[in-house]
N, C-alpha and C. Protein backbone atom coordinates (compact mmCIF):
# COMPACT_ATOMS: atom_id res chain seq x y z
N MET A 1 -122.11 7.11 -71.81
CA MET A 1 -120.76 7.63 -71.78
C MET A 1 -120.65 8.81 -72.74
N PRO A 2 -119.90 9.85 -72.37
CA PRO A 2 -119.73 10.98 -73.27
C PRO A 2 -118.91 10.60 -74.49
N LYS A 3 -118.88 11.50 -75.47
CA LYS A 3 -118.18 11.23 -76.73
C LYS A 3 -116.71 10.90 -76.52
N SER A 4 -116.09 11.49 -75.51
CA SER A 4 -114.66 11.25 -75.29
C SER A 4 -114.37 9.84 -74.80
N GLY A 5 -115.40 9.13 -74.37
CA GLY A 5 -115.21 7.78 -73.87
C GLY A 5 -114.98 7.73 -72.37
N ARG A 6 -114.85 8.90 -71.74
CA ARG A 6 -114.64 8.94 -70.29
C ARG A 6 -115.99 8.97 -69.59
N LYS A 7 -116.02 8.40 -68.43
CA LYS A 7 -117.22 8.46 -67.62
C LYS A 7 -117.32 9.84 -66.98
N ILE A 8 -118.55 10.35 -66.92
CA ILE A 8 -118.76 11.62 -66.22
C ILE A 8 -118.96 11.30 -64.76
N GLY A 9 -118.39 12.12 -63.92
CA GLY A 9 -118.53 11.89 -62.49
C GLY A 9 -117.34 12.44 -61.75
N ARG A 10 -117.16 11.94 -60.57
CA ARG A 10 -116.07 12.41 -59.73
C ARG A 10 -114.73 11.89 -60.24
N PRO A 11 -113.70 12.74 -60.09
CA PRO A 11 -112.36 12.27 -60.47
C PRO A 11 -111.86 11.28 -59.44
N PRO A 12 -110.83 10.53 -59.77
CA PRO A 12 -110.27 9.62 -58.77
C PRO A 12 -109.84 10.41 -57.54
N ILE A 13 -109.95 9.81 -56.38
CA ILE A 13 -109.56 10.49 -55.15
C ILE A 13 -108.04 10.71 -55.18
N MET A 14 -107.65 11.96 -55.03
CA MET A 14 -106.24 12.31 -54.99
C MET A 14 -106.02 13.20 -53.78
N THR A 15 -104.89 13.02 -53.14
CA THR A 15 -104.56 13.92 -52.04
C THR A 15 -104.16 15.26 -52.64
N ARG A 16 -104.14 16.27 -51.80
CA ARG A 16 -103.72 17.60 -52.26
C ARG A 16 -102.30 17.54 -52.83
N GLU A 17 -101.43 16.82 -52.16
CA GLU A 17 -100.04 16.70 -52.63
C GLU A 17 -100.00 16.03 -54.01
N GLU A 18 -100.79 14.99 -54.22
CA GLU A 18 -100.83 14.32 -55.52
C GLU A 18 -101.32 15.27 -56.61
N LYS A 19 -102.31 16.10 -56.29
CA LYS A 19 -102.82 17.08 -57.26
C LYS A 19 -101.74 18.09 -57.62
N ILE A 20 -101.03 18.59 -56.60
CA ILE A 20 -99.98 19.57 -56.85
C ILE A 20 -98.90 18.98 -57.74
N VAL A 21 -98.47 17.77 -57.43
CA VAL A 21 -97.45 17.11 -58.24
C VAL A 21 -97.97 16.89 -59.66
N ALA A 22 -99.23 16.48 -59.79
CA ALA A 22 -99.81 16.24 -61.11
C ALA A 22 -99.87 17.53 -61.92
N VAL A 23 -100.26 18.63 -61.30
CA VAL A 23 -100.33 19.92 -61.98
C VAL A 23 -98.93 20.35 -62.43
N ARG A 24 -97.95 20.22 -61.56
CA ARG A 24 -96.58 20.62 -61.90
C ARG A 24 -96.05 19.79 -63.08
N LYS A 25 -96.24 18.47 -63.01
CA LYS A 25 -95.73 17.59 -64.06
C LYS A 25 -96.47 17.83 -65.37
N TYR A 26 -97.79 17.93 -65.31
CA TYR A 26 -98.58 18.12 -66.53
C TYR A 26 -98.22 19.44 -67.20
N THR A 27 -98.11 20.50 -66.40
CA THR A 27 -97.80 21.81 -66.96
C THR A 27 -96.44 21.80 -67.65
N ALA A 28 -95.44 21.25 -66.99
CA ALA A 28 -94.11 21.20 -67.58
C ALA A 28 -94.11 20.39 -68.88
N GLN A 29 -94.77 19.23 -68.87
CA GLN A 29 -94.83 18.39 -70.07
C GLN A 29 -95.59 19.09 -71.20
N HIS A 30 -96.69 19.75 -70.86
CA HIS A 30 -97.50 20.45 -71.86
C HIS A 30 -96.69 21.58 -72.52
N ILE A 31 -95.94 22.32 -71.70
CA ILE A 31 -95.12 23.41 -72.24
C ILE A 31 -94.05 22.85 -73.18
N LEU A 32 -93.41 21.75 -72.79
CA LEU A 32 -92.39 21.13 -73.65
C LEU A 32 -92.99 20.65 -74.98
N GLU A 33 -94.20 20.12 -74.92
CA GLU A 33 -94.82 19.56 -76.13
C GLU A 33 -95.44 20.62 -77.03
N THR A 34 -96.02 21.67 -76.43
CA THR A 34 -96.78 22.64 -77.23
C THR A 34 -96.19 24.04 -77.24
N GLY A 35 -95.36 24.35 -76.26
CA GLY A 35 -94.79 25.69 -76.17
C GLY A 35 -95.67 26.70 -75.47
N VAL A 36 -96.81 26.27 -74.95
CA VAL A 36 -97.71 27.19 -74.26
C VAL A 36 -98.16 26.58 -72.93
N ILE A 37 -98.64 27.44 -72.05
CA ILE A 37 -99.15 27.00 -70.76
C ILE A 37 -100.53 26.40 -70.96
N PRO A 38 -100.86 25.27 -70.32
CA PRO A 38 -102.18 24.67 -70.51
C PRO A 38 -103.29 25.53 -69.91
N THR A 39 -104.45 25.43 -70.51
CA THR A 39 -105.62 26.14 -69.98
C THR A 39 -106.15 25.39 -68.76
N PHE A 40 -107.03 26.04 -68.02
CA PHE A 40 -107.65 25.36 -66.89
C PHE A 40 -108.44 24.15 -67.37
N ARG A 41 -109.07 24.25 -68.53
CA ARG A 41 -109.84 23.12 -69.06
C ARG A 41 -108.92 21.93 -69.34
N GLN A 42 -107.77 22.18 -69.95
CA GLN A 42 -106.82 21.11 -70.21
C GLN A 42 -106.30 20.52 -68.90
N MET A 43 -106.07 21.38 -67.92
CA MET A 43 -105.61 20.93 -66.61
C MET A 43 -106.67 20.04 -65.97
N ALA A 44 -107.93 20.43 -66.09
CA ALA A 44 -109.02 19.64 -65.53
C ALA A 44 -109.06 18.26 -66.17
N GLU A 45 -108.89 18.21 -67.48
CA GLU A 45 -108.89 16.93 -68.17
C GLU A 45 -107.71 16.07 -67.72
N ALA A 46 -106.56 16.70 -67.51
CA ALA A 46 -105.39 15.95 -67.05
C ALA A 46 -105.59 15.38 -65.66
N LEU A 47 -106.37 16.07 -64.83
CA LEU A 47 -106.66 15.59 -63.48
C LEU A 47 -107.92 14.72 -63.44
N ASN A 48 -108.46 14.44 -64.62
CA ASN A 48 -109.66 13.60 -64.77
C ASN A 48 -110.91 14.19 -64.15
N TYR A 49 -111.01 15.51 -64.14
CA TYR A 49 -112.24 16.16 -63.69
C TYR A 49 -113.21 16.21 -64.85
N SER A 50 -114.48 16.12 -64.54
CA SER A 50 -115.51 16.30 -65.55
C SER A 50 -115.62 17.79 -65.85
N THR A 51 -115.66 18.14 -67.13
CA THR A 51 -115.80 19.55 -67.48
C THR A 51 -117.24 20.02 -67.33
N ALA A 52 -118.14 19.12 -66.94
CA ALA A 52 -119.53 19.49 -66.75
C ALA A 52 -119.69 20.47 -65.59
N SER A 53 -118.79 20.42 -64.62
CA SER A 53 -118.86 21.33 -63.48
C SER A 53 -117.71 22.33 -63.55
N GLY A 54 -117.67 23.06 -64.64
CA GLY A 54 -116.55 23.94 -64.94
C GLY A 54 -116.14 24.90 -63.84
N SER A 55 -117.11 25.58 -63.23
CA SER A 55 -116.73 26.57 -62.22
C SER A 55 -116.15 25.91 -60.98
N ASN A 56 -116.68 24.75 -60.60
CA ASN A 56 -116.13 24.03 -59.45
C ASN A 56 -114.72 23.52 -59.73
N VAL A 57 -114.50 23.05 -60.94
CA VAL A 57 -113.18 22.56 -61.33
C VAL A 57 -112.19 23.72 -61.33
N TYR A 58 -112.61 24.86 -61.88
CA TYR A 58 -111.75 26.05 -61.90
C TYR A 58 -111.33 26.43 -60.49
N LYS A 59 -112.30 26.46 -59.57
CA LYS A 59 -112.00 26.81 -58.18
C LYS A 59 -111.05 25.79 -57.55
N ALA A 60 -111.29 24.52 -57.81
CA ALA A 60 -110.45 23.47 -57.22
C ALA A 60 -109.00 23.61 -57.69
N ILE A 61 -108.81 23.86 -58.97
CA ILE A 61 -107.45 24.02 -59.49
C ILE A 61 -106.84 25.32 -59.01
N ARG A 62 -107.62 26.40 -59.07
CA ARG A 62 -107.12 27.70 -58.62
C ARG A 62 -106.70 27.66 -57.16
N ASN A 63 -107.43 26.92 -56.33
CA ASN A 63 -107.12 26.84 -54.91
C ASN A 63 -105.79 26.14 -54.63
N LEU A 64 -105.29 25.38 -55.60
CA LEU A 64 -103.97 24.78 -55.44
C LEU A 64 -102.88 25.85 -55.46
N GLY A 65 -103.22 27.03 -55.97
CA GLY A 65 -102.26 28.11 -56.11
C GLY A 65 -101.76 28.68 -54.79
N ASP A 66 -102.39 28.29 -53.68
CA ASP A 66 -101.87 28.79 -52.39
C ASP A 66 -100.66 27.99 -51.92
N ASP A 67 -100.28 26.97 -52.69
CA ASP A 67 -99.06 26.23 -52.41
C ASP A 67 -97.88 27.02 -52.99
N SER A 68 -96.79 27.10 -52.27
CA SER A 68 -95.66 27.92 -52.70
C SER A 68 -94.96 27.38 -53.95
N ARG A 69 -95.29 26.17 -54.38
CA ARG A 69 -94.67 25.59 -55.57
C ARG A 69 -95.43 25.90 -56.84
N LEU A 70 -96.59 26.55 -56.70
CA LEU A 70 -97.42 26.88 -57.85
C LEU A 70 -97.76 28.37 -57.83
N ILE A 71 -98.02 28.92 -59.00
CA ILE A 71 -98.46 30.31 -59.10
C ILE A 71 -99.66 30.35 -60.02
N VAL A 72 -100.66 31.13 -59.64
CA VAL A 72 -101.86 31.30 -60.47
C VAL A 72 -101.79 32.70 -61.07
N ILE A 73 -101.97 32.77 -62.37
CA ILE A 73 -102.00 34.05 -63.07
C ILE A 73 -103.41 34.22 -63.61
N LYS A 74 -104.06 35.28 -63.21
CA LYS A 74 -105.43 35.54 -63.64
C LYS A 74 -105.47 36.86 -64.37
N THR A 75 -105.99 36.84 -65.58
CA THR A 75 -106.18 38.07 -66.34
C THR A 75 -107.68 38.23 -66.58
N ALA A 76 -108.05 39.28 -67.25
CA ALA A 76 -109.46 39.53 -67.52
C ALA A 76 -110.06 38.46 -68.43
N TRP A 77 -109.23 37.80 -69.22
CA TRP A 77 -109.77 36.85 -70.19
C TRP A 77 -109.39 35.40 -69.95
N SER A 78 -108.43 35.13 -69.07
CA SER A 78 -108.07 33.74 -68.85
C SER A 78 -107.29 33.58 -67.54
N GLY A 79 -107.00 32.35 -67.22
CA GLY A 79 -106.22 32.05 -66.03
C GLY A 79 -105.25 30.94 -66.33
N ALA A 80 -104.16 30.89 -65.60
CA ALA A 80 -103.17 29.83 -65.78
C ALA A 80 -102.59 29.49 -64.43
N ILE A 81 -102.16 28.28 -64.29
CA ILE A 81 -101.45 27.84 -63.09
C ILE A 81 -100.20 27.13 -63.57
N MET A 82 -99.09 27.39 -62.89
CA MET A 82 -97.83 26.79 -63.33
C MET A 82 -96.87 26.66 -62.17
N PRO A 83 -95.87 25.79 -62.33
CA PRO A 83 -94.83 25.71 -61.31
C PRO A 83 -94.11 27.05 -61.19
N VAL A 84 -93.73 27.41 -59.98
CA VAL A 84 -93.03 28.67 -59.75
C VAL A 84 -91.75 28.74 -60.57
N GLU A 85 -91.05 27.62 -60.72
CA GLU A 85 -89.81 27.63 -61.49
C GLU A 85 -90.05 28.05 -62.94
N VAL A 86 -91.17 27.63 -63.50
CA VAL A 86 -91.50 28.00 -64.88
C VAL A 86 -91.76 29.51 -64.96
N PHE A 87 -92.51 30.03 -64.00
CA PHE A 87 -92.78 31.46 -63.96
C PHE A 87 -91.48 32.25 -63.82
N ASP A 88 -90.61 31.81 -62.93
CA ASP A 88 -89.32 32.49 -62.73
C ASP A 88 -88.50 32.48 -64.02
N ALA A 89 -88.50 31.35 -64.74
CA ALA A 89 -87.76 31.25 -65.99
C ALA A 89 -88.35 32.18 -67.05
N ILE A 90 -89.66 32.30 -67.08
CA ILE A 90 -90.31 33.22 -68.03
C ILE A 90 -89.91 34.65 -67.72
N GLN A 91 -89.94 35.02 -66.44
CA GLN A 91 -89.54 36.37 -66.05
C GLN A 91 -88.08 36.63 -66.41
N GLN A 92 -87.21 35.68 -66.15
CA GLN A 92 -85.80 35.85 -66.46
C GLN A 92 -85.59 36.02 -67.96
N ALA A 93 -86.27 35.18 -68.76
CA ALA A 93 -86.14 35.28 -70.22
C ALA A 93 -86.66 36.62 -70.72
N ALA A 94 -87.77 37.10 -70.15
CA ALA A 94 -88.32 38.39 -70.55
C ALA A 94 -87.34 39.51 -70.23
N GLN A 95 -86.70 39.42 -69.06
CA GLN A 95 -85.73 40.44 -68.67
C GLN A 95 -84.53 40.42 -69.61
N GLU A 96 -84.09 39.22 -70.02
CA GLU A 96 -82.96 39.12 -70.95
C GLU A 96 -83.29 39.75 -72.29
N VAL A 97 -84.53 39.59 -72.74
CA VAL A 97 -84.96 40.24 -74.00
C VAL A 97 -84.88 41.76 -73.83
N LEU A 98 -85.44 42.27 -72.75
CA LEU A 98 -85.42 43.71 -72.51
C LEU A 98 -84.01 44.24 -72.35
N ASP A 99 -83.14 43.48 -71.70
CA ASP A 99 -81.76 43.91 -71.51
C ASP A 99 -81.00 44.01 -72.83
N GLY A 100 -81.49 43.34 -73.84
CA GLY A 100 -80.84 43.38 -75.15
C GLY A 100 -81.13 44.65 -75.94
N TYR A 101 -82.03 45.49 -75.43
CA TYR A 101 -82.38 46.72 -76.11
C TYR A 101 -81.91 47.91 -75.27
N PRO A 102 -81.52 49.01 -75.93
CA PRO A 102 -81.08 50.17 -75.15
C PRO A 102 -82.25 50.77 -74.37
N SER A 103 -81.90 51.35 -73.24
CA SER A 103 -82.91 51.98 -72.40
C SER A 103 -83.47 53.21 -73.09
N GLU A 104 -84.75 53.48 -72.90
CA GLU A 104 -85.41 54.62 -73.56
C GLU A 104 -85.45 55.83 -72.63
N GLU A 105 -84.62 55.86 -71.63
CA GLU A 105 -84.63 57.00 -70.68
C GLU A 105 -83.86 58.16 -71.20
């Protein structure tokens, strides 16, 4: 058994819908607890994936992003997946910050 005490191997069988719900719930809870969006590695652990197959896990989680309830954000240095409502709230909050400053035109 690995140091974490978890068995290495396949995660429990989950339907696509169960994975989407799990990602949405985990992301929202993680943001409330820590104030930041979880990494793909943290998401993999929450879904009980072994981190030994990192690229496969990344693809599996990223592929959930084609559901309209999730959005995947990929930058040169990292990636994130989150519920669309969270992304919309972030955009709205960012716009409110910008609206508080005079235009530079």
